[in-house]
Amino acid sequence: MHARRRTPTWAWVSALTVAALVAVAVLAVQARGKVPEGGLASARPSASPSAGSADGKSGTPRPTPKQENAVPEDSGEGRRVVYSLGQRRVWLVGENELPLRTFAVWPGGVAPAEGEHKVSTRRAAGNGSDGVPVEHVVYFANTEGVWVAFSHAADGAAPTSSPEGRGGAVRTRPADGEALWEFAATGTPVRVVG
C-alpha cells in the first residue's frame, strides 16, 4: 500500500488565486457586454472645446469616469441633458443617473434661464445667428425673444465671433453635437444650472 500525499498549502493558495482572477475577468467581460444598444461606444468626453476630428464624427456617448466632471447636484432626475452656465459644460445623463458623456461648450451671448426646459424642436442644418452654417441644432429655451439652441459649425471650426454675435447659440464640437443630437429627441428634458 502507498501512503497518501497531501497537496502542499502553496499549491492550494495558487489555485484559488488563479480561480479568483479568472472569475473577475469573466465578470468584467460580462459587464462590458451589457451596454445599451447605440450608446456608450467609442467617443471620449472632451475636457475643452476643440475643432474635433476631420470628419467631425467620433462615435456615440460613453461613460465619463472623471469625478471633476460629475453631474451637478440638484440637476434633476432621470434621462436628461444638463447644461451648467458656470462650468460651460453639458452632460448627457442616462436613466440610471450616470453621465453617458460630458463636454465643454462655447456659450452664446444670451443665456437660458436656470431651471427645467425641454427640447422643443430640432433642425439638421441651417445658418446660425452669426451667419455660420451649423448642424445638429437642438432648440430648448427662449430667453428675451431669443431662441437658445445647441449646435456645431458645419466645418467643425471653433467660434470666432464674440458670444454676443452668436445670440442664443451654444456651440459644441462636431462629435459632441452629433452625440447630443442622437440623445436629445424632441421633449427631452434640459436642466440648466448656474
Foldseek 3Di string as FASTA:
>chain_A
DDDDDDDDPVVVVVVVVVVVVVVVVVVVVVVVVPDDPQAQDFDAADPAFDLDDQQLAGGAFHFDPDPVPQDDPPQDAAFAWEAEPVQQKIFGAHRVRTTRYMYHWAFAPDDFDAFKWWFADWDQWDAFLLRFTWGLWTWTGADPNFTATEIEGNRSHDDDDHRDSRTRYTYHGSNVSVNCSVRGDGGGMYGYHD
